[in-house]
């Protein structure tokens, strides 16, 4: 049972969001406020998904963030050399990878945005 829940975590999370929204509507929370909260949470999740996609896209490959200070010739010989331009280009030109966290955030965020719009219209 637990393995099935882990494999369908997105579906379980979406169903739980819908159940919580229904309970909040029954309690008496204004639908517009609930719709606004769902919409904002959905937008946050889509931005988080874009961060996951960009993070796995090797955006900062080839950058050096080590501050340069004046060094002697012996110290500069022993330092690692920066990667060549062709190596950096081959890494940066790889296909876009959408990992499972980004997929989860996109699907849940999309459902929340649709739910927020529906609650605002009703």
PDB file of N, CA and C in Angstrom:
ATOM      1  N   UNK A   1       0.823  -1.190   0.000  1.00  0.00           N
ATOM      2  CA  UNK A   1       0.000   0.000   0.000  1.00  0.00           C
ATOM      3  C   UNK A   1       0.870   1.259   0.000  1.00  0.00           C
ATOM      4  N   UNK A   2       1.923   1.238   0.801  1.00  0.00           N
ATOM      5  CA  UNK A   2       2.797   2.408   0.894  1.00  0.00           C
ATOM      6  C   UNK A   2       3.555   2.608  -0.418  1.00  0.00           C
ATOM      7  N   UNK A   3       3.944   1.508  -1.074  1.00  0.00           N
ATOM      8  CA  UNK A   3       4.654   1.625  -2.345  1.00  0.00           C
ATOM      9  C   UNK A   3       3.768   2.249  -3.417  1.00  0.00           C
ATOM     10  N   UNK A   4       2.470   1.909  -3.411  1.00  0.00           N
ATOM     11  CA  UNK A   4       1.549   2.505  -4.374  1.00  0.00           C
ATOM     12  C   UNK A   4       1.387   3.994  -4.114  1.00  0.00           C
ATOM     13  N   UNK A   5       1.331   4.384  -2.838  1.00  0.00           N
ATOM     14  CA  UNK A   5       1.208   5.803  -2.508  1.00  0.00           C
ATOM     15  C   UNK A   5       2.455   6.577  -2.912  1.00  0.00           C
ATOM     16  N   UNK A   6       3.624   5.970  -2.748  1.00  0.00           N
ATOM     17  CA  UNK A   6       4.860   6.642  -3.138  1.00  0.00           C
ATOM     18  C   UNK A   6       4.947   6.807  -4.645  1.00  0.00           C
ATOM     19  N   UNK A   7       4.446   5.831  -5.388  1.00  0.00           N
ATOM     20  CA  UNK A   7       4.532   5.931  -6.833  1.00  0.00           C
ATOM     21  C   UNK A   7       3.519   6.938  -7.388  1.00  0.00           C
ATOM     22  N   UNK A   8       2.414   7.162  -6.695  1.00  0.00           N
ATOM     23  CA  UNK A   8       1.390   8.098  -7.130  1.00  0.00           C
ATOM     24  C   UNK A   8       1.308   9.282  -6.174  1.00  0.00           C
ATOM     25  N   UNK A   9       2.439   9.802  -5.775  1.00  0.00           N
ATOM     26  CA  UNK A   9       2.467  10.878  -4.789  1.00  0.00           C
ATOM     27  C   UNK A   9       1.789  12.138  -5.296  1.00  0.00           C
ATOM     28  N   UNK A  10       1.936  12.426  -6.566  1.00  0.00           N
ATOM     29  CA  UNK A  10       1.310  13.621  -7.131  1.00  0.00           C
ATOM     30  C   UNK A  10      -0.202  13.506  -7.066  1.00  0.00           C
ATOM     31  N   UNK A  11      -0.739  12.364  -7.419  1.00  0.00           N
ATOM     32  CA  UNK A  11      -2.190  12.169  -7.391  1.00  0.00           C
ATOM     33  C   UNK A  11      -2.724  12.262  -5.965  1.00  0.00           C
ATOM     34  N   UNK A  12      -2.007  11.673  -5.015  1.00  0.00           N
ATOM     35  CA  UNK A  12      -2.427  11.735  -3.620  1.00  0.00           C
ATOM     36  C   UNK A  12      -2.400  13.180  -3.129  1.00  0.00           C
ATOM     37  N   UNK A  13      -1.385  13.917  -3.501  1.00  0.00           N
ATOM     38  CA  UNK A  13      -1.260  15.310  -3.072  1.00  0.00           C
ATOM     39  C   UNK A  13      -2.362  16.172  -3.678  1.00  0.00           C
ATOM     40  N   UNK A  14      -2.675  15.955  -4.947  1.00  0.00           N
ATOM     41  CA  UNK A  14      -3.725  16.734  -5.617  1.00  0.00           C
ATOM     42  C   UNK A  14      -5.090  16.430  -4.999  1.00  0.00           C
ATOM     43  N   UNK A  15      -5.369  15.165  -4.743  1.00  0.00           N
ATOM     44  CA  UNK A  15      -6.645  14.796  -4.124  1.00  0.00           C
ATOM     45  C   UNK A  15      -6.753  15.392  -2.729  1.00  0.00           C
ATOM     46  N   UNK A  16      -5.661  15.381  -1.978  1.00  0.00           N
ATOM     47  CA  UNK A  16      -5.699  15.964  -0.635  1.00  0.00           C
ATOM     48  C   UNK A  16      -5.904  17.478  -0.691  1.00  0.00           C
ATOM     49  N   UNK A  17      -5.352  18.146  -1.690  1.00  0.00           N
ATOM     50  CA  UNK A  17      -5.568  19.592  -1.847  1.00  0.00           C
ATOM     51  C   UNK A  17      -7.044  19.875  -2.133  1.00  0.00           C
ATOM     52  N   UNK A  18      -7.651  19.070  -3.002  1.00  0.00           N
ATOM     53  CA  UNK A  18      -9.064  19.265  -3.328  1.00  0.00           C
ATOM     54  C   UNK A  18      -9.935  19.008  -2.111  1.00  0.00           C
ATOM     55  N   UNK A  19      -9.619  17.978  -1.330  1.00  0.00           N
ATOM     56  CA  UNK A  19     -10.397  17.674  -0.125  1.00  0.00           C
ATOM     57  C   UNK A  19     -10.265  18.806   0.892  1.00  0.00           C
ATOM     58  N   UNK A  20      -9.063  19.318   1.085  1.00  0.00           N
ATOM     59  CA  UNK A  20      -8.859  20.432   2.024  1.00  0.00           C
ATOM     60  C   UNK A  20      -9.619  21.670   1.557  1.00  0.00           C
ATOM     61  N   UNK A  21      -9.613  21.936   0.254  1.00  0.00           N
ATOM     62  CA  UNK A  21     -10.360  23.087  -0.265  1.00  0.00           C
ATOM     63  C   UNK A  21     -11.860  22.916  -0.032  1.00  0.00           C
ATOM     64  N   UNK A  22     -12.380  21.720  -0.268  1.00  0.00           N
ATOM     65  CA  UNK A  22     -13.801  21.482  -0.026  1.00  0.00           C
ATOM     66  C   UNK A  22     -14.153  21.660   1.445  1.00  0.00           C
ATOM     67  N   UNK A  23     -13.293  21.160   2.335  1.00  0.00           N
ATOM     68  CA  UNK A  23     -13.543  21.328   3.769  1.00  0.00           C
ATOM     69  C   UNK A  23     -13.511  22.800   4.168  1.00  0.00           C
ATOM     70  N   UNK A  24     -12.580  23.560   3.602  1.00  0.00           N
ATOM     71  CA  UNK A  24     -12.512  24.982   3.929  1.00  0.00           C
ATOM     72  C   UNK A  24     -13.717  25.749   3.402  1.00  0.00           C
ATOM     73  N   UNK A  25     -14.229  25.355   2.241  1.00  0.00           N
ATOM     74  CA  UNK A  25     -15.441  25.993   1.715  1.00  0.00           C
ATOM     75  C   UNK A  25     -16.632  25.666   2.607  1.00  0.00           C
ATOM     76  N   UNK A  26     -16.719  24.423   3.083  1.00  0.00           N
ATOM     77  CA  UNK A  26     -17.812  24.030   3.967  1.00  0.00           C
ATOM     78  C   UNK A  26     -17.735  24.724   5.327  1.00  0.00           C
ATOM     79  N   UNK A  27     -16.527  25.003   5.789  1.00  0.00           N
ATOM     80  CA  UNK A  27     -16.357  25.693   7.073  1.00  0.00           C
ATOM     81  C   UNK A  27     -16.806  27.148   6.962  1.00  0.00           C
ATOM     82  N   UNK A  28     -16.639  27.742   5.806  1.00  0.00           N
ATOM     83  CA  UNK A  28     -17.103  29.107   5.624  1.00  0.00           C
ATOM     84  C   UNK A  28     -16.037  30.085   5.182  1.00  0.00           C
ATOM     85  N   UNK A  29     -14.896  29.595   4.753  1.00  0.00           N
ATOM     86  CA  UNK A  29     -13.845  30.471   4.234  1.00  0.00           C
ATOM     87  C   UNK A  29     -14.334  31.034   2.896  1.00  0.00           C
ATOM     88  N   UNK A  30     -14.181  32.337   2.669  1.00  0.00           N
ATOM     89  CA  UNK A  30     -14.634  32.911   1.393  1.00  0.00           C
ATOM     90  C   UNK A  30     -13.933  32.247   0.202  1.00  0.00           C
ATOM     91  N   UNK A  31     -14.723  31.976  -0.838  1.00  0.00           N
ATOM     92  CA  UNK A  31     -14.190  31.263  -2.000  1.00  0.00           C
ATOM     93  C   UNK A  31     -13.143  32.085  -2.741  1.00  0.00           C
ATOM     94  N   UNK A  32     -13.318  33.396  -2.758  1.00  0.00           N
ATOM     95  CA  UNK A  32     -12.348  34.239  -3.469  1.00  0.00           C
ATOM     96  C   UNK A  32     -11.000  34.215  -2.748  1.00  0.00           C
ATOM     97  N   UNK A  33     -11.017  34.271  -1.427  1.00  0.00           N
ATOM     98  CA  UNK A  33      -9.760  34.224  -0.670  1.00  0.00           C
ATOM     99  C   UNK A  33      -9.072  32.872  -0.854  1.00  0.00           C
ATOM    100  N   UNK A  34      -9.864  31.813  -0.846  1.00  0.00           N
ATOM    101  CA  UNK A  34      -9.298  30.480  -1.044  1.00  0.00           C
ATOM    102  C   UNK A  34      -8.766  30.321  -2.466  1.00  0.00           C
ATOM    103  N   UNK A  35      -9.491  30.864  -3.442  1.00  0.00           N
ATOM    104  CA  UNK A  35      -9.034  30.818  -4.831  1.00  0.00           C
ATOM    105  C   UNK A  35      -7.747  31.603  -5.027  1.00  0.00           C
ATOM    106  N   UNK A  36      -7.662  32.769  -4.379  1.00  0.00           N
ATOM    107  CA  UNK A  36      -6.430  33.566  -4.467  1.00  0.00           C
ATOM    108  C   UNK A  36      -5.244  32.828  -3.851  1.00  0.00           C
ATOM    109  N   UNK A  37      -5.468  32.183  -2.708  1.00  0.00           N
ATOM    110  CA  UNK A  37      -4.380  31.433  -2.060  1.00  0.00           C
ATOM    111  C   UNK A  37      -3.933  30.263  -2.932  1.00  0.00           C
ATOM    112  N   UNK A  38      -4.894  29.554  -3.522  1.00  0.00           N
ATOM    113  CA  UNK A  38      -4.544  28.430  -4.404  1.00  0.00           C
ATOM    114  C   UNK A  38      -3.774  28.919  -5.629  1.00  0.00           C
ATOM    115  N   UNK A  39      -4.216  30.027  -6.208  1.00  0.00           N
ATOM    116  CA  UNK A  39      -3.553  30.561  -7.393  1.00  0.00           C
ATOM    117  C   UNK A  39      -2.120  30.981  -7.075  1.00  0.00           C
ATOM    118  N   UNK A  40      -1.920  31.656  -5.950  1.00  0.00           N
ATOM    119  CA  UNK A  40      -0.565  32.087  -5.574  1.00  0.00           C
ATOM    120  C   UNK A  40       0.340  30.895  -5.274  1.00  0.00           C
ATOM    121  N   UNK A  41      -0.204  29.887  -4.607  1.00  0.00           N
ATOM    122  CA  UNK A  41       0.596  28.694  -4.336  1.00  0.00           C
ATOM    123  C   UNK A  41       0.943  27.964  -5.635  1.00  0.00           C
ATOM    124  N   UNK A  42       0.012  27.938  -6.589  1.00  0.00           N
ATOM    125  CA  UNK A  42       0.288  27.332  -7.889  1.00  0.00           C
ATOM    126  C   UNK A  42       1.369  28.078  -8.651  1.00  0.00           C
ATOM    127  N   UNK A  43       1.312  29.417  -8.611  1.00  0.00           N
ATOM    128  CA  UNK A  43       2.367  30.205  -9.260  1.00  0.00           C
ATOM    129  C   UNK A  43       3.725  29.962  -8.606  1.00  0.00           C
ATOM    130  N   UNK A  44       3.733  29.873  -7.277  1.00  0.00           N
ATOM    131  CA  UNK A  44       4.986  29.593  -6.574  1.00  0.00           C
ATOM    132  C   UNK A  44       5.555  28.246  -6.999  1.00  0.00           C
ATOM    133  N   UNK A  45       4.697  27.241  -7.119  1.00  0.00           N
ATOM    134  CA  UNK A  45       5.180  25.915  -7.511  1.00  0.00           C
ATOM    135  C   UNK A  45       5.688  25.890  -8.952  1.00  0.00           C
ATOM    136  N   UNK A  46       5.083  26.658  -9.842  1.00  0.00           N
ATOM    137  CA  UNK A  46       5.595  26.686 -11.212  1.00  0.00           C
ATOM    138  C   UNK A  46       6.942  27.403 -11.288  1.00  0.00           C
ATOM    139  N   UNK A  47       7.113  28.446 -10.479  1.00  0.00           N
ATOM    140  CA  UNK A  47       8.423  29.117 -10.430  1.00  0.00           C
ATOM    141  C   UNK A  47       9.471  28.175  -9.832  1.00  0.00           C
ATOM    142  N   UNK A  48       9.084  27.437  -8.813  1.00  0.00           N
ATOM    143  CA  UNK A  48      10.001  26.470  -8.207  1.00  0.00           C
ATOM    144  C   UNK A  48      10.373  25.380  -9.217  1.00  0.00           C
ATOM    145  N   UNK A  49       9.427  24.960 -10.034  1.00  0.00           N
ATOM    146  CA  UNK A  49       9.718  23.968 -11.073  1.00  0.00           C
ATOM    147  C   UNK A  49      10.702  24.522 -12.094  1.00  0.00           C
ATOM    148  N   UNK A  50      10.546  25.804 -12.451  1.00  0.00           N
ATOM    149  CA  UNK A  50      11.497  26.393 -13.401  1.00  0.00           C
ATOM    150  C   UNK A  50      12.889  26.484 -12.792  1.00  0.00           C
ATOM    151  N   UNK A  51      12.974  26.717 -11.498  1.00  0.00           N
ATOM    152  CA  UNK A  51      14.284  26.734 -10.831  1.00  0.00           C
ATOM    153  C   UNK A  51      14.919  25.340 -10.875  1.00  0.00           C
ATOM    154  N   UNK A  52      14.107  24.294 -10.670  1.00  0.00           N
ATOM    155  CA  UNK A  52      14.636  22.933 -10.753  1.00  0.00           C
ATOM    156  C   UNK A  52      15.126  22.613 -12.165  1.00  0.00           C
ATOM    157  N   UNK A  53      14.392  23.055 -13.177  1.00  0.00           N
ATOM    158  CA  UNK A  53      14.788  22.783 -14.557  1.00  0.00           C
ATOM    159  C   UNK A  53      16.076  23.515 -14.895  1.00  0.00           C
ATOM    160  N   UNK A  54      16.159  24.782 -14.519  1.00  0.00           N
ATOM    161  CA  UNK A  54      17.371  25.561 -14.811  1.00  0.00           C
ATOM    162  C   UNK A  54      18.554  25.033 -13.997  1.00  0.00           C
ATOM    163  N   UNK A  55      18.287  24.581 -12.787  1.00  0.00           N
ATOM    164  CA  UNK A  55      19.365  24.051 -11.950  1.00  0.00           C
ATOM    165  C   UNK A  55      19.987  22.797 -12.514  1.00  0.00           C
ATOM    166  N   UNK A  56      19.193  21.974 -13.195  1.00  0.00           N
ATOM    167  CA  UNK A  56      19.760  20.758 -13.782  1.00  0.00           C
ATOM    168  C   UNK A  56      20.242  20.994 -15.213  1.00  0.00           C
ATOM    169  N   UNK A  57      20.221  22.230 -15.674  1.00  0.00           N
ATOM    170  CA  UNK A  57      20.608  22.526 -17.050  1.00  0.00           C
ATOM    171  C   UNK A  57      22.034  22.991 -17.211  1.00  0.00           C
ATOM    172  N   UNK A  58      22.863  22.889 -16.184  1.00  0.00           N
ATOM    173  CA  UNK A  58      24.274  23.264 -16.246  1.00  0.00           C
ATOM    174  C   UNK A  58      24.453  24.715 -16.687  1.00  0.00           C
ATOM    175  N   UNK A  59      23.662  25.602 -16.104  1.00  0.00           N
ATOM    176  CA  UNK A  59      23.697  27.000 -16.521  1.00  0.00           C
ATOM    177  C   UNK A  59      25.026  27.661 -16.173  1.00  0.00           C
ATOM    178  N   UNK A  60      25.599  27.297 -15.052  1.00  0.00           N
ATOM    179  CA  UNK A  60      26.804  27.969 -14.592  1.00  0.00           C
ATOM    180  C   UNK A  60      28.076  27.169 -14.862  1.00  0.00           C
ATOM    181  N   UNK A  61      28.028  26.282 -15.826  1.00  0.00           N
ATOM    182  CA  UNK A  61      29.217  25.510 -16.183  1.00  0.00           C
ATOM    183  C   UNK A  61      30.255  26.431 -16.813  1.00  0.00           C
ATOM    184  N   UNK A  62      31.467  26.341 -16.336  1.00  0.00           N
ATOM    185  CA  UNK A  62      32.553  27.134 -16.896  1.00  0.00           C
ATOM    186  C   UNK A  62      32.826  28.424 -16.144  1.00  0.00           C
ATOM    187  N   UNK A  63      31.987  28.775 -15.189  1.00  0.00           N
ATOM    188  CA  UNK A  63      32.216  29.987 -14.413  1.00  0.00           C
ATOM    189  C   UNK A  63      33.150  29.678 -13.265  1.00  0.00           C
ATOM    190  N   UNK A  64      33.984  30.629 -12.945  1.00  0.00           N
ATOM    191  CA  UNK A  64      34.859  30.471 -11.790  1.00  0.00           C
ATOM    192  C   UNK A  64      34.491  31.526 -10.783  1.00  0.00           C
ATOM    193  N   UNK A  65      34.155  31.093  -9.585  1.00  0.00           N
ATOM    194  CA  UNK A  65      33.751  32.015  -8.531  1.00  0.00           C
ATOM    195  C   UNK A  65      34.842  32.179  -7.481  1.00  0.00           C
ATOM    196  N   UNK A  66      36.039  31.705  -7.771  1.00  0.00           N
ATOM    197  CA  UNK A  66      37.151  31.805  -6.830  1.00  0.00           C
ATOM    198  C   UNK A  66      37.813  33.172  -7.031  1.00  0.00           C
ATOM    199  N   UNK A  67      37.929  33.947  -5.974  1.00  0.00           N
ATOM    200  CA  UNK A  67      38.586  35.256  -6.151  1.00  0.00           C
ATOM    201  C   UNK A  67      40.059  35.077  -6.520  1.00  0.00           C
ATOM    202  N   UNK A  68      40.490  35.872  -7.451  1.00  0.00           N
ATOM    203  CA  UNK A  68      41.886  35.791  -7.919  1.00  0.00           C
ATOM    204  C   UNK A  68      42.752  36.724  -7.098  1.00  0.00           C
ATOM    205  N   UNK A  69      43.834  36.187  -6.592  1.00  0.00           N
ATOM    206  CA  UNK A  69      44.814  37.007  -5.883  1.00  0.00           C
ATOM    207  C   UNK A  69      46.179  36.778  -6.524  1.00  0.00           C
ATOM    208  N   UNK A  70      47.041  37.683  -6.307  1.00  0.00           N
ATOM    209  CA  UNK A  70      48.352  37.583  -6.927  1.00  0.00           C
ATOM    210  C   UNK A  70      49.108  36.408  -6.313  1.00  0.00           C
ATOM    211  N   UNK A  71      49.578  35.529  -7.202  1.00  0.00           N
ATOM    212  CA  UNK A  71      50.261  34.332  -6.745  1.00  0.00           C
ATOM    213  C   UNK A  71      51.600  34.209  -7.461  1.00  0.00           C
ATOM    214  N   UNK A  72      52.428  33.387  -6.874  1.00  0.00           N
ATOM    215  CA  UNK A  72      53.738  33.160  -7.487  1.00  0.00           C
ATOM    216  C   UNK A  72      53.588  32.170  -8.643  1.00  0.00           C
ATOM    217  N   UNK A  73      54.652  32.017  -9.416  1.00  0.00           N
ATOM    218  CA  UNK A  73      54.618  31.123 -10.571  1.00  0.00           C
ATOM    219  C   UNK A  73      54.418  29.668 -10.162  1.00  0.00           C
ATOM    220  N   UNK A  74      54.989  29.282  -9.047  1.00  0.00           N
ATOM    221  CA  UNK A  74      54.862  27.903  -8.590  1.00  0.00           C
ATOM    222  C   UNK A  74      53.417  27.585  -8.192  1.00  0.00           C
ATOM    223  N   UNK A  75      52.751  28.541  -7.535  1.00  0.00           N
ATOM    224  CA  UNK A  75      51.361  28.319  -7.135  1.00  0.00           C
ATOM    225  C   UNK A  75      50.432  28.253  -8.342  1.00  0.00           C
ATOM    226  N   UNK A  76      50.676  29.069  -9.345  1.00  0.00           N
ATOM    227  CA  UNK A  76      49.819  29.052 -10.528  1.00  0.00           C
ATOM    228  C   UNK A  76      50.003  27.782 -11.343  1.00  0.00           C
ATOM    229  N   UNK A  77      51.187  27.159 -11.274  1.00  0.00           N
ATOM    230  CA  UNK A  77      51.416  25.905 -11.978  1.00  0.00           C
ATOM    231  C   UNK A  77      50.600  24.775 -11.393  1.00  0.00           C
ATOM    232  N   UNK A  78      50.429  24.780 -10.077  1.00  0.00           N
ATOM    233  CA  UNK A  78      49.751  23.682  -9.388  1.00  0.00           C
ATOM    234  C   UNK A  78      48.230  23.829  -9.375  1.00  0.00           C
ATOM    235  N   UNK A  79      47.703  24.962  -9.780  1.00  0.00           N
ATOM    236  CA  UNK A  79      46.254  25.142  -9.775  1.00  0.00           C
ATOM    237  C   UNK A  79      45.603  24.388 -10.919  1.00  0.00           C
ATOM    238  N   UNK A  80      44.365  23.946 -10.709  1.00  0.00           N
ATOM    239  CA  UNK A  80      43.674  23.278 -11.825  1.00  0.00           C
ATOM    240  C   UNK A  80      43.358  24.272 -12.936  1.00  0.00           C
ATOM    241  N   UNK A  81      43.451  23.795 -14.152  1.00  0.00           N
ATOM    242  CA  UNK A  81      43.202  24.652 -15.306  1.00  0.00           C
ATOM    243  C   UNK A  81      41.698  24.760 -15.560  1.00  0.00           C
ATOM    244  N   UNK A  82      41.247  25.917 -16.027  1.00  0.00           N
ATOM    245  CA  UNK A  82      39.818  26.040 -16.351  1.00  0.00           C
ATOM    246  C   UNK A  82      39.472  25.161 -17.555  1.00  0.00           C
ATOM    247  N   UNK A  83      38.226  24.715 -17.642  1.00  0.00           N
ATOM    248  CA  UNK A  83      37.861  23.833 -18.768  1.00  0.00           C
ATOM    249  C   UNK A  83      37.919  24.575 -20.101  1.00  0.00           C
ATOM    250  N   UNK A  84      38.152  23.829 -21.141  1.00  0.00           N
ATOM    251  CA  UNK A  84      38.220  24.395 -22.488  1.00  0.00           C
ATOM    252  C   UNK A  84      36.817  24.772 -22.955  1.00  0.00           C
ATOM    253  N   UNK A  85      36.758  25.642 -23.955  1.00  0.00           N
ATOM    254  CA  UNK A  85      35.471  26.137 -24.441  1.00  0.00           C
ATOM    255  C   UNK A  85      34.629  25.018 -25.051  1.00  0.00           C
ATOM    256  N   UNK A  86      35.250  24.075 -25.733  1.00  0.00           N
ATOM    257  CA  UNK A  86      34.490  22.985 -26.342  1.00  0.00           C
ATOM    258  C   UNK A  86      33.896  22.068 -25.283  1.00  0.00           C
ATOM    259  N   UNK A  87      34.603  21.864 -24.174  1.00  0.00           N
ATOM    260  CA  UNK A  87      34.071  21.037 -23.094  1.00  0.00           C
ATOM    261  C   UNK A  87      32.857  21.706 -22.466  1.00  0.00           C
ATOM    262  N   UNK A  88      32.949  23.006 -22.233  1.00  0.00           N
ATOM    263  CA  UNK A  88      31.839  23.746 -21.644  1.00  0.00           C
ATOM    264  C   UNK A  88      30.646  23.749 -22.594  1.00  0.00           C
ATOM    265  N   UNK A  89      30.901  23.942 -23.876  1.00  0.00           N
ATOM    266  CA  UNK A  89      29.820  23.969 -24.857  1.00  0.00           C
ATOM    267  C   UNK A  89      29.139  22.614 -24.973  1.00  0.00           C
ATOM    268  N   UNK A  90      29.904  21.538 -24.894  1.00  0.00           N
ATOM    269  CA  UNK A  90      29.281  20.217 -24.998  1.00  0.00           C
ATOM    270  C   UNK A  90      28.409  19.928 -23.782  1.00  0.00           C
ATOM    271  N   UNK A  91      28.776  20.454 -22.631  1.00  0.00           N
ATOM    272  CA  UNK A  91      27.956  20.261 -21.439  1.00  0.00           C
ATOM    273  C   UNK A  91      26.703  21.132 -21.505  1.00  0.00           C
ATOM    274  N   UNK A  92      26.864  22.386 -21.935  1.00  0.00           N
ATOM    275  CA  UNK A  92      25.727  23.304 -21.974  1.00  0.00           C
ATOM    276  C   UNK A  92      24.737  22.969 -23.082  1.00  0.00           C
ATOM    277  N   UNK A  93      25.151  22.294 -24.127  1.00  0.00           N
ATOM    278  CA  UNK A  93      24.264  21.970 -25.242  1.00  0.00           C
ATOM    279  C   UNK A  93      23.522  20.657 -25.058  1.00  0.00           C
ATOM    280  N   UNK A  94      23.580  20.085 -23.880  1.00  0.00           N
ATOM    281  CA  UNK A  94      22.830  18.861 -23.619  1.00  0.00           C
ATOM    282  C   UNK A  94      21.330  19.168 -23.585  1.00  0.00           C
ATOM    283  N   UNK A  95      20.488  18.174 -23.815  1.00  0.00           N
ATOM    284  CA  UNK A  95      19.039  18.409 -23.783  1.00  0.00           C
ATOM    285  C   UNK A  95      18.562  18.823 -22.388  1.00  0.00           C
ATOM    286  N   UNK A  96      17.428  19.500 -22.368  1.00  0.00           N
ATOM    287  CA  UNK A  96      16.846  19.952 -21.102  1.00  0.00           C
ATOM    288  C   UNK A  96      16.350  18.743 -20.330  1.00  0.00           C
ATOM    289  N   UNK A  97      16.653  18.711 -19.046  1.00  0.00           N
ATOM    290  CA  UNK A  97      16.242  17.606 -18.194  1.00  0.00           C
ATOM    291  C   UNK A  97      15.194  18.115 -17.205  1.00  0.00           C
ATOM    292  N   UNK A  98      14.039  17.481 -17.214  1.00  0.00           N
ATOM    293  CA  UNK A  98      12.987  17.806 -16.249  1.00  0.00           C
ATOM    294  C   UNK A  98      12.974  16.672 -15.243  1.00  0.00           C
ATOM    295  N   UNK A  99      13.481  16.932 -14.040  1.00  0.00           N
ATOM    296  CA  UNK A  99      13.560  15.876 -13.039  1.00  0.00           C
ATOM    297  C   UNK A  99      12.209  15.684 -12.351  1.00  0.00           C
ATOM    298  N   UNK A 100      12.134  14.733 -11.450  1.00  0.00           N
ATOM    299  CA  UNK A 100      10.851  14.388 -10.834  1.00  0.00           C
ATOM    300  C   UNK A 100      10.329  15.498  -9.940  1.00  0.00           C
ATOM    301  N   UNK A 101      11.211  16.276  -9.334  1.00  0.00           N
ATOM    302  CA  UNK A 101      10.746  17.382  -8.488  1.00  0.00           C
ATOM    303  C   UNK A 101      10.089  18.468  -9.344  1.00  0.00           C
ATOM    304  N   UNK A 102      10.684  18.756 -10.485  1.00  0.00           N
ATOM    305  CA  UNK A 102      10.097  19.745 -11.389  1.00  0.00           C
ATOM    306  C   UNK A 102       8.773  19.244 -11.949  1.00  0.00           C
ATOM    307  N   UNK A 103       8.695  17.968 -12.285  1.00  0.00           N
ATOM    308  CA  UNK A 103       7.452  17.400 -12.802  1.00  0.00           C
ATOM    309  C   UNK A 103       6.350  17.460 -11.749  1.00  0.00           C
ATOM    310  N   UNK A 104       6.701  17.159 -10.492  1.00  0.00           N
ATOM    311  CA  UNK A 104       5.730  17.233  -9.391  1.00  0.00           C
ATOM    312  C   UNK A 104       5.244  18.660  -9.195  1.00  0.00           C
ATOM    313  N   UNK A 105       6.177  19.608  -9.184  1.00  0.00           N
ATOM    314  CA  UNK A 105       5.800  21.011  -8.977  1.00  0.00           C
ATOM    315  C   UNK A 105       4.951  21.530 -10.127  1.00  0.00           C
ATOM    316  N   UNK A 106       5.268  21.142 -11.362  1.00  0.00           N
ATOM    317  CA  UNK A 106       4.484  21.597 -12.513  1.00  0.00           C
ATOM    318  C   UNK A 106       3.069  21.037 -12.486  1.00  0.00           C
ATOM    319  N   UNK A 107       2.928  19.762 -12.211  1.00  0.00           N
ATOM    320  CA  UNK A 107       1.588  19.176 -12.219  1.00  0.00           C
ATOM    321  C   UNK A 107       0.743  19.693 -11.057  1.00  0.00           C
ATOM    322  N   UNK A 108       1.316  19.756  -9.873  1.00  0.00           N
ATOM    323  CA  UNK A 108       0.565  20.253  -8.728  1.00  0.00           C
ATOM    324  C   UNK A 108       0.270  21.741  -8.866  1.00  0.00           C
ATOM    325  N   UNK A 109       1.225  22.508  -9.352  1.00  0.00           N
ATOM    326  CA  UNK A 109       1.005  23.936  -9.556  1.00  0.00           C
ATOM    327  C   UNK A 109      -0.054  24.204 -10.604  1.00  0.00           C
ATOM    328  N   UNK A 110      -0.067  23.414 -11.666  1.00  0.00           N
ATOM    329  CA  UNK A 110      -1.102  23.570 -12.688  1.00  0.00           C
ATOM    330  C   UNK A 110      -2.489  23.293 -12.150  1.00  0.00           C
ATOM    331  N   UNK A 111      -2.615  22.239 -11.351  1.00  0.00           N
ATOM    332  CA  UNK A 111      -3.912  21.924 -10.745  1.00  0.00           C
ATOM    333  C   UNK A 111      -4.336  23.039  -9.799  1.00  0.00           C
ATOM    334  N   UNK A 112      -3.401  23.569  -9.019  1.00  0.00           N
ATOM    335  CA  UNK A 112      -3.739  24.650  -8.091  1.00  0.00           C
ATOM    336  C   UNK A 112      -4.150  25.921  -8.820  1.00  0.00           C
ATOM    337  N   UNK A 113      -3.506  26.227  -9.934  1.00  0.00           N
ATOM    338  CA  UNK A 113      -3.880  27.417 -10.703  1.00  0.00           C
ATOM    339  C   UNK A 113      -5.293  27.253 -11.270  1.00  0.00           C
ATOM    340  N   UNK A 114      -5.589  26.091 -11.832  1.00  0.00           N
ATOM    341  CA  UNK A 114      -6.934  25.837 -12.367  1.00  0.00           C
ATOM    342  C   UNK A 114      -7.969  25.887 -11.257  1.00  0.00           C
ATOM    343  N   UNK A 115      -7.657  25.285 -10.113  1.00  0.00           N
ATOM    344  CA  UNK A 115      -8.573  25.306  -8.976  1.00  0.00           C
ATOM    345  C   UNK A 115      -8.790  26.725  -8.457  1.00  0.00           C
ATOM    346  N   UNK A 116      -7.730  27.502  -8.423  1.00  0.00           N
ATOM    347  CA  UNK A 116      -7.858  28.894  -7.986  1.00  0.00           C
ATOM    348  C   UNK A 116      -8.732  29.705  -8.911  1.00  0.00           C
ATOM    349  N   UNK A 117      -8.588  29.502 -10.210  1.00  0.00           N
ATOM    350  CA  UNK A 117      -9.425  30.224 -11.178  1.00  0.00           C
ATOM    351  C   UNK A 117     -10.882  29.791 -11.042  1.00  0.00           C
ATOM    352  N   UNK A 118     -11.114  28.490 -10.889  1.00  0.00           N
ATOM    353  CA  UNK A 118     -12.479  27.991 -10.746  1.00  0.00           C
ATOM    354  C   UNK A 118     -13.139  28.526  -9.476  1.00  0.00           C
ATOM    355  N   UNK A 119     -12.406  28.542  -8.376  1.00  0.00           N
ATOM    356  CA  UNK A 119     -12.974  29.057  -7.121  1.00  0.00           C
ATOM    357  C   UNK A 119     -13.243  30.552  -7.209  1.00  0.00           C
ATOM    358  N   UNK A 120     -12.445  31.269  -7.954  1.00  0.00           N
ATOM    359  CA  UNK A 120     -12.673  32.711  -8.107  1.00  0.00           C
ATOM    360  C   UNK A 120     -13.889  32.986  -8.991  1.00  0.00           C
ATOM    361  N   UNK A 121     -14.078  32.168 -10.027  1.00  0.00           N
ATOM    362  CA  UNK A 121     -15.225  32.359 -10.928  1.00  0.00           C
ATOM    363  C   UNK A 121     -16.540  32.018 -10.230  1.00  0.00           C
ATOM    364  N   UNK A 122     -16.544  30.961  -9.436  1.00  0.00           N
ATOM    365  CA  UNK A 122     -17.790  30.501  -8.772  1.00  0.00           C
ATOM    366  C   UNK A 122     -18.274  31.491  -7.793  1.00  0.00           C
TER     367      UNK A 122
END
